[in-house]
Amino acid sequence: MASKVVDLRSDTVTKPSEAMRAAMAAADVDDDVVGVDPTARRFQAEMASLMGKEAALFVPSGTMGNLISVLAHCDVRGSEAILGDNSHIHVYENGGISTIGGVHPKTVPNNPDGTMDIDKIVAAIRHPDLHYPTTRLICLENTHGNSGGKCLSAEYTDKVGEIAKSHGIKLHIDGARIFNASVALGVPVDRLVKAADSVSVCLSKGLGAPVGSVIVGSKDFIEKAKILRKTLGGGMRQVGVLCAAAQVAVRDTVGKLADDHRKARVLAEGLKKIKHVTVDPASVETNMVFFDIVDPRISPDNLCQVLEQHNVFAMPASSKSIRKLLKSY
């Protein structure tokens, strides 16, 4: 009998549950590009209500969701978006806002807790000048992946939202793991994103759906987003098959996230006892554990190879660190 595999590479490495598969097989579908897929319409309405926004749109991926959101808000080439220097949009999304949208990124340093200093955000906002791009957007990320899955509080997000509103610009939240933040903070998800003009929510990370994200915002924003989704090739016709699985993921998985967080802290406490690595269990807020290797003879790549021989999969995060993500499915 094969040994059990413990896969800690990412919370994206999942398999659809039997309930998801059954929902996909039974989904009532039609053409979503023309807006008549009944399962997609129902799921989008439910997600908009859950997030406290007017409307929602299913998209193939979180990267596309963020790209569409940025382009919808920065609809004039030469616009500028303020975002963290260690944010997912800036680091891991192939520079799409620049290469596709002509949007200039203005980076502000991310603090260890995933925030950006308020005064630095304010200082980054451009005043009208023919030499500068025009600031039209601020982007936050919650939870903040490269900061170890840290949660941004509703109060902090409100402050950033107030700044955006006072300067006549928009606020987008990359909420890839926003439900993890909601569970960890004990704050309803709609409260966490109340100040945002748009939010992208990944369904295939912590929630375990096989495919997709949703973006939420005002009705006008979503109408612009639909056009951009089509332009980027994200119109997928009978997408109710995927929305049915996503609906099950939201229904069944959110209640399991607290256990993911508990297991992550247990893992961090165990790793702390190993002399060759360093980890701060107090820094583990959600389902991510990052640890550094202090023995110069051991590299992350080599350690991951050894772990794989024992049916434990992990992922190098840098030249001296490894990340592990917990999931309940």
Protein backbone atom coordinates (compact mmCIF):
# COMPACT_ATOMS: atom_id res chain seq x y z
CA MET A 1 0.00 0.00 0.00
CA ALA A 2 1.34 3.42 -0.97
CA SER A 3 2.21 5.80 1.85
CA LYS A 4 0.03 8.83 2.34
CA VAL A 5 1.30 11.96 0.61
CA VAL A 6 1.35 15.19 2.61
CA ASP A 7 1.24 18.00 0.05
CA LEU A 8 2.13 21.37 1.55
CA ARG A 9 3.21 23.11 -1.65
CA SER A 10 0.12 25.28 -1.89
CA ASP A 11 -3.56 25.45 -1.04
CA THR A 12 -4.13 25.39 -4.80
CA VAL A 13 -3.07 21.74 -5.00
CA THR A 14 -6.52 20.26 -4.40
CA LYS A 15 -9.00 17.83 -5.90
CA PRO A 16 -12.72 18.57 -6.31
CA SER A 17 -14.80 16.96 -3.58
CA GLU A 18 -17.51 14.46 -4.45
CA ALA A 19 -20.07 17.18 -3.71
CA MET A 20 -18.32 19.49 -6.19
CA ARG A 21 -18.21 16.80 -8.85
CA ALA A 22 -21.90 16.04 -8.36
CA ALA A 23 -22.80 19.73 -8.58
CA MET A 24 -20.76 20.10 -11.77
CA ALA A 25 -22.48 17.10 -13.37
CA ALA A 26 -25.94 18.41 -12.49
CA ALA A 27 -25.34 22.10 -13.27
CA ASP A 28 -27.97 23.90 -15.33
CA VAL A 29 -26.00 25.81 -17.97
CA ASP A 30 -26.33 28.21 -20.86
CA ASP A 31 -24.11 30.78 -22.57
CA ASP A 32 -22.47 32.99 -19.93
CA VAL A 33 -20.81 35.27 -22.49
CA VAL A 34 -24.26 36.62 -23.32
CA GLY A 35 -25.18 36.52 -19.65
CA VAL A 36 -27.76 33.73 -19.59
CA ASP A 37 -26.03 30.87 -17.76
CA PRO A 38 -28.42 30.35 -14.83
CA THR A 39 -25.89 28.74 -12.47
CA ALA A 40 -23.33 31.49 -13.11
CA ARG A 41 -25.95 34.19 -12.60
CA ARG A 42 -27.07 32.65 -9.32
CA PHE A 43 -23.53 32.17 -8.02
CA GLN A 44 -22.47 35.69 -8.98
CA ALA A 45 -25.49 37.18 -7.22
CA GLU A 46 -24.70 35.16 -4.10
CA MET A 47 -21.06 36.26 -4.08
CA ALA A 48 -21.98 39.91 -4.58
CA SER A 49 -24.36 39.71 -1.63
CA LEU A 50 -21.83 37.88 0.53
CA MET A 51 -19.16 40.51 -0.19
CA GLY A 52 -21.55 43.42 0.29
CA LYS A 53 -21.28 44.66 -3.29
CA GLU A 54 -23.79 45.28 -6.09
CA ALA A 55 -22.54 42.76 -8.63
CA ALA A 56 -19.99 40.04 -9.33
CA LEU A 57 -18.32 38.35 -12.29
CA PHE A 58 -16.76 34.88 -12.52
CA VAL A 59 -13.31 34.87 -14.16
CA PRO A 60 -10.89 32.04 -14.96
CA SER A 61 -8.14 33.05 -12.53
CA GLY A 62 -7.10 35.43 -9.78
CA THR A 63 -4.47 36.97 -12.04
CA MET A 64 -7.13 37.79 -14.63
CA GLY A 65 -9.41 39.08 -11.87
CA ASN A 66 -6.77 41.50 -10.65
CA LEU A 67 -5.83 42.54 -14.17
CA ILE A 68 -9.44 43.23 -15.14
CA SER A 69 -9.98 45.21 -11.94
CA VAL A 70 -6.91 47.37 -12.44
CA LEU A 71 -7.76 48.02 -16.09
CA ALA A 72 -11.37 48.86 -15.28
CA HIS A 73 -10.31 51.50 -12.79
CA CYS A 74 -7.31 52.72 -14.82
CA ASP A 75 -9.07 52.97 -18.16
CA VAL A 76 -6.80 55.69 -19.54
CA ARG A 77 -3.32 54.62 -20.64
CA GLY A 78 -0.66 56.30 -18.56
CA SER A 79 -2.62 55.81 -15.34
CA GLU A 80 -0.76 54.80 -12.21
CA ALA A 81 -1.63 52.26 -9.52
CA ILE A 82 -0.11 52.36 -6.04
CA LEU A 83 0.67 48.90 -4.70
CA GLY A 84 3.00 47.06 -2.35
CA ASP A 85 6.49 46.25 -3.58
CA ASN A 86 6.01 42.67 -2.38
CA SER A 87 2.41 42.27 -3.52
CA HIS A 88 1.17 39.46 -5.73
CA ILE A 89 0.02 41.86 -8.46
CA HIS A 90 3.46 43.44 -8.65
CA VAL A 91 5.65 40.36 -8.20
CA TYR A 92 3.80 37.37 -9.63
CA GLU A 93 1.40 38.53 -12.33
CA ASN A 94 3.83 38.92 -15.21
CA GLY A 95 3.67 42.71 -15.24
CA GLY A 96 0.26 42.45 -16.88
CA ILE A 97 -1.03 45.81 -15.72
CA SER A 98 1.88 47.43 -17.60
CA THR A 99 2.27 45.19 -20.63
CA ILE A 100 -1.42 44.89 -21.37
CA GLY A 101 -2.99 47.93 -19.74
CA GLY A 102 -0.33 50.60 -19.96
CA VAL A 103 -0.69 51.12 -16.20
CA HIS A 104 2.38 52.32 -14.33
CA PRO A 105 3.03 50.64 -10.94
CA LYS A 106 4.05 52.96 -8.11
CA THR A 107 5.40 50.71 -5.39
CA VAL A 108 5.35 51.39 -1.67
CA PRO A 109 7.29 49.10 0.71
CA ASN A 110 5.25 46.37 2.33
CA ASN A 111 5.75 46.06 6.07
CA PRO A 112 6.23 42.60 7.63
CA ASP A 113 2.49 42.55 8.42
CA GLY A 114 1.53 43.16 4.79
CA THR A 115 0.46 46.77 5.26
CA MET A 116 1.92 49.84 3.64
CA ASP A 117 2.53 52.91 5.82
CA ILE A 118 -0.34 55.33 5.45
CA ASP A 119 1.94 58.34 5.10
CA LYS A 120 3.89 56.60 2.34
CA ILE A 121 0.68 55.84 0.45
CA VAL A 122 -0.30 59.50 0.69
CA ALA A 123 3.17 60.59 -0.45
CA ALA A 124 2.92 58.26 -3.47
CA ILE A 125 -0.25 59.91 -4.80
CA ARG A 126 0.73 62.17 -7.69
CA HIS A 127 -0.39 65.74 -7.95
CA PRO A 128 -1.37 66.83 -11.48
CA ASP A 129 1.82 67.50 -13.43
CA LEU A 130 2.63 66.94 -17.08
CA HIS A 131 5.74 64.97 -16.07
CA TYR A 132 3.87 62.29 -14.10
CA PRO A 133 1.36 59.53 -14.72
CA THR A 134 -2.04 60.07 -13.13
CA THR A 135 -2.75 58.18 -9.91
CA ARG A 136 -6.10 56.41 -10.26
CA LEU A 137 -5.90 53.38 -7.96
CA ILE A 138 -4.54 51.90 -4.73
CA CYS A 139 -4.23 48.11 -4.40
CA LEU A 140 -4.12 46.11 -1.16
CA GLU A 141 -3.73 42.35 -0.65
CA ASN A 142 -5.56 40.40 2.08
CA THR A 143 -4.25 38.02 3.26
CA HIS A 144 -0.79 39.14 2.20
CA GLY A 145 0.96 36.12 0.75
CA ASN A 146 4.60 37.20 0.73
CA SER A 147 4.25 38.41 4.31
CA GLY A 148 3.29 34.92 5.41
CA GLY A 149 -0.48 35.13 5.07
CA LYS A 150 -0.89 38.17 7.30
CA CYS A 151 -4.36 39.69 7.74
CA LEU A 152 -5.16 43.34 7.03
CA SER A 153 -7.66 44.67 9.54
CA ALA A 154 -10.91 46.35 8.60
CA GLU A 155 -9.70 49.50 10.36
CA TYR A 156 -6.52 49.68 8.28
CA THR A 157 -8.45 49.08 5.06
CA ASP A 158 -10.93 51.78 6.05
CA LYS A 159 -8.06 54.27 6.46
CA VAL A 160 -6.73 53.46 3.01
CA GLY A 161 -10.24 53.73 1.61
CA GLU A 162 -10.66 57.17 3.18
CA ILE A 163 -7.41 58.30 1.57
CA ALA A 164 -8.50 57.00 -1.82
CA LYS A 165 -11.89 58.66 -1.58
CA SER A 166 -10.46 61.98 -0.45
CA HIS A 167 -8.15 62.02 -3.48
CA GLY A 168 -10.80 60.89 -5.96
CA ILE A 169 -9.14 57.54 -6.68
CA LYS A 170 -10.27 53.92 -6.30
CA LEU A 171 -9.31 51.07 -3.96
CA HIS A 172 -8.95 47.47 -5.16
CA ILE A 173 -8.32 44.53 -2.84
CA ASP A 174 -6.59 41.41 -4.08
CA GLY A 175 -8.63 39.16 -1.81
CA ALA A 176 -7.21 35.86 -3.01
CA ARG A 177 -7.50 34.53 0.56
CA ILE A 178 -9.95 37.05 1.98
CA PHE A 179 -11.99 34.30 3.64
CA ASN A 180 -8.89 33.19 5.55
CA ALA A 181 -8.54 36.75 6.79
CA SER A 182 -12.21 36.90 7.75
CA VAL A 183 -12.01 33.66 9.74
CA ALA A 184 -8.71 34.55 11.43
CA LEU A 185 -9.87 38.03 12.45
CA GLY A 186 -13.41 36.98 13.34
CA VAL A 187 -14.74 39.74 11.09
CA PRO A 188 -17.45 39.22 8.44
CA VAL A 189 -15.96 39.24 4.98
CA ASP A 190 -18.19 42.07 3.77
CA ARG A 191 -16.91 44.26 6.63
CA LEU A 192 -13.30 43.59 5.63
CA VAL A 193 -13.90 44.90 2.11
CA LYS A 194 -16.46 47.60 2.84
CA ALA A 195 -14.08 50.40 1.83
CA ALA A 196 -13.06 48.75 -1.44
CA ASP A 197 -14.39 49.68 -4.86
CA SER A 198 -13.53 46.20 -6.13
CA VAL A 199 -12.32 42.89 -4.75
CA SER A 200 -10.98 39.76 -6.43
CA VAL A 201 -11.74 36.53 -4.56
CA CYS A 202 -9.92 33.33 -5.47
CA LEU A 203 -12.06 30.20 -5.31
CA SER A 204 -9.29 27.70 -6.10
CA LYS A 205 -6.90 28.55 -3.27
CA GLY A 206 -8.10 28.23 0.31
CA LEU A 207 -11.62 27.31 -0.73
CA GLY A 208 -10.54 24.41 -2.93
CA ALA A 209 -12.70 24.86 -6.02
CA PRO A 210 -11.06 23.42 -9.16
CA VAL A 211 -11.05 26.65 -11.19
CA GLY A 212 -11.81 30.31 -10.95
CA SER A 213 -12.14 33.58 -9.10
CA VAL A 214 -14.81 36.22 -8.83
CA ILE A 215 -14.50 39.97 -8.88
CA VAL A 216 -17.07 42.12 -7.11
CA GLY A 217 -17.95 45.80 -7.16
CA SER A 218 -20.56 48.22 -8.39
CA LYS A 219 -22.83 47.41 -11.31
CA ASP A 220 -21.00 49.93 -13.48
CA PHE A 221 -17.64 48.40 -12.57
CA ILE A 222 -18.84 44.89 -13.44
CA GLU A 223 -20.20 46.06 -16.79
CA LYS A 224 -16.74 47.37 -17.65
CA ALA A 225 -15.24 44.14 -16.29
CA LYS A 226 -17.39 42.01 -18.61
CA ILE A 227 -15.98 43.80 -21.65
CA LEU A 228 -12.42 43.40 -20.39
CA ARG A 229 -12.99 39.71 -19.60
CA LYS A 230 -14.09 39.18 -23.20
CA THR A 231 -11.10 41.12 -24.51
CA LEU A 232 -8.71 38.98 -22.49
CA GLY A 233 -10.30 35.74 -23.65
CA GLY A 234 -11.99 34.96 -20.36
CA GLY A 235 -15.50 34.39 -21.64
CA MET A 236 -16.04 30.65 -21.16
CA ARG A 237 -19.62 30.02 -22.36
CA GLN A 238 -21.24 27.26 -20.23
CA VAL A 239 -19.30 28.31 -17.15
CA GLY A 240 -22.05 27.18 -14.80
CA VAL A 241 -20.24 23.85 -14.62
CA LEU A 242 -17.39 25.62 -12.82
CA CYS A 243 -19.60 27.98 -10.84
CA ALA A 244 -21.46 24.98 -9.43
CA ALA A 245 -18.23 23.63 -7.95
CA ALA A 246 -17.30 27.07 -6.66
CA GLN A 247 -20.69 27.39 -4.98
CA VAL A 248 -20.07 24.14 -3.11
CA ALA A 249 -16.56 25.32 -2.16
CA VAL A 250 -17.88 28.50 -0.58
CA ARG A 251 -20.66 26.61 1.18
CA ASP A 252 -18.54 23.75 2.52
CA THR A 253 -14.99 25.04 3.00
CA VAL A 254 -15.16 28.40 4.78
CA GLY A 255 -16.09 26.61 7.99
CA LYS A 256 -12.94 24.47 7.73
CA LEU A 257 -10.45 27.33 7.41
CA ALA A 258 -10.03 27.80 11.15
CA ASP A 259 -8.73 24.24 11.36
CA ASP A 260 -6.21 25.02 8.60
CA HIS A 261 -4.97 27.92 10.69
CA ARG A 262 -4.72 25.72 13.80
CA LYS A 263 -2.73 23.08 11.92
CA ALA A 264 -0.39 25.75 10.55
CA ARG A 265 0.41 26.91 14.09
CA VAL A 266 0.97 23.32 15.22
CA LEU A 267 3.36 22.80 12.29
CA ALA A 268 5.23 25.99 13.16
CA GLU A 269 5.58 24.90 16.79
CA GLY A 270 7.01 21.59 15.64
CA LEU A 271 9.44 23.21 13.22
CA LYS A 272 10.65 25.50 15.99
CA LYS A 273 12.11 22.44 17.76
CA ILE A 274 14.41 21.64 14.85
CA LYS A 275 17.82 23.26 15.32
CA HIS A 276 18.53 23.66 11.61
CA VAL A 277 15.61 25.99 10.95
CA THR A 278 14.08 29.14 12.42
CA VAL A 279 10.40 29.97 12.52
CA ASP A 280 8.26 32.29 14.61
CA PRO A 281 4.98 30.50 15.46
CA ALA A 282 3.50 33.80 16.68
CA SER A 283 3.77 35.14 13.13
CA VAL A 284 1.46 32.43 11.75
CA GLU A 285 -1.95 34.05 11.39
CA THR A 286 -3.62 31.91 8.73
CA ASN A 287 -2.65 28.84 6.70
CA MET A 288 0.90 29.78 5.68
CA VAL A 289 4.13 28.77 7.39
CA PHE A 290 7.47 30.17 6.26
CA PHE A 291 10.70 28.98 7.82
CA ASP A 292 14.37 29.82 7.23
CA ILE A 293 17.18 27.29 7.02
CA VAL A 294 20.12 28.33 9.20
CA ASP A 295 22.48 25.48 8.30
CA PRO A 296 24.55 26.64 5.28
CA ARG A 297 24.98 23.01 4.18
CA ILE A 298 21.25 22.69 3.48
CA SER A 299 19.50 24.45 0.61
CA PRO A 300 15.72 24.78 0.23
CA ASP A 301 15.85 22.83 -3.04
CA ASN A 302 17.77 19.96 -1.47
CA LEU A 303 15.53 19.85 1.58
CA CYS A 304 12.41 19.76 -0.59
CA GLN A 305 13.92 16.87 -2.55
CA VAL A 306 14.59 14.94 0.66
CA LEU A 307 11.09 15.66 1.95
CA GLU A 308 9.61 14.44 -1.33
CA GLN A 309 11.38 11.10 -0.86
CA HIS A 310 9.33 10.78 2.33
CA ASN A 311 6.08 11.78 0.55
CA VAL A 312 6.06 15.32 1.94
CA PHE A 313 5.86 18.04 -0.70
CA ALA A 314 6.93 21.62 0.03
CA MET A 315 7.99 24.64 -2.01
CA PRO A 316 11.14 26.80 -1.77
CA ALA A 317 10.28 30.44 -1.10
CA SER A 318 13.77 31.95 -1.46
CA SER A 319 17.43 31.00 -1.37
CA LYS A 320 17.12 30.16 2.34
CA SER A 321 13.45 29.70 3.13
CA ILE A 322 10.58 27.29 2.48
CA ARG A 323 6.83 27.87 2.59
CA LYS A 324 4.14 25.41 3.54
CA LEU A 325 0.42 25.92 3.12
CA LEU A 326 -2.25 24.01 5.04
CA LYS A 327 -5.60 22.97 3.58
CA SER A 328 -8.50 20.93 4.90
CA TYR A 329 -9.29 18.81 1.84
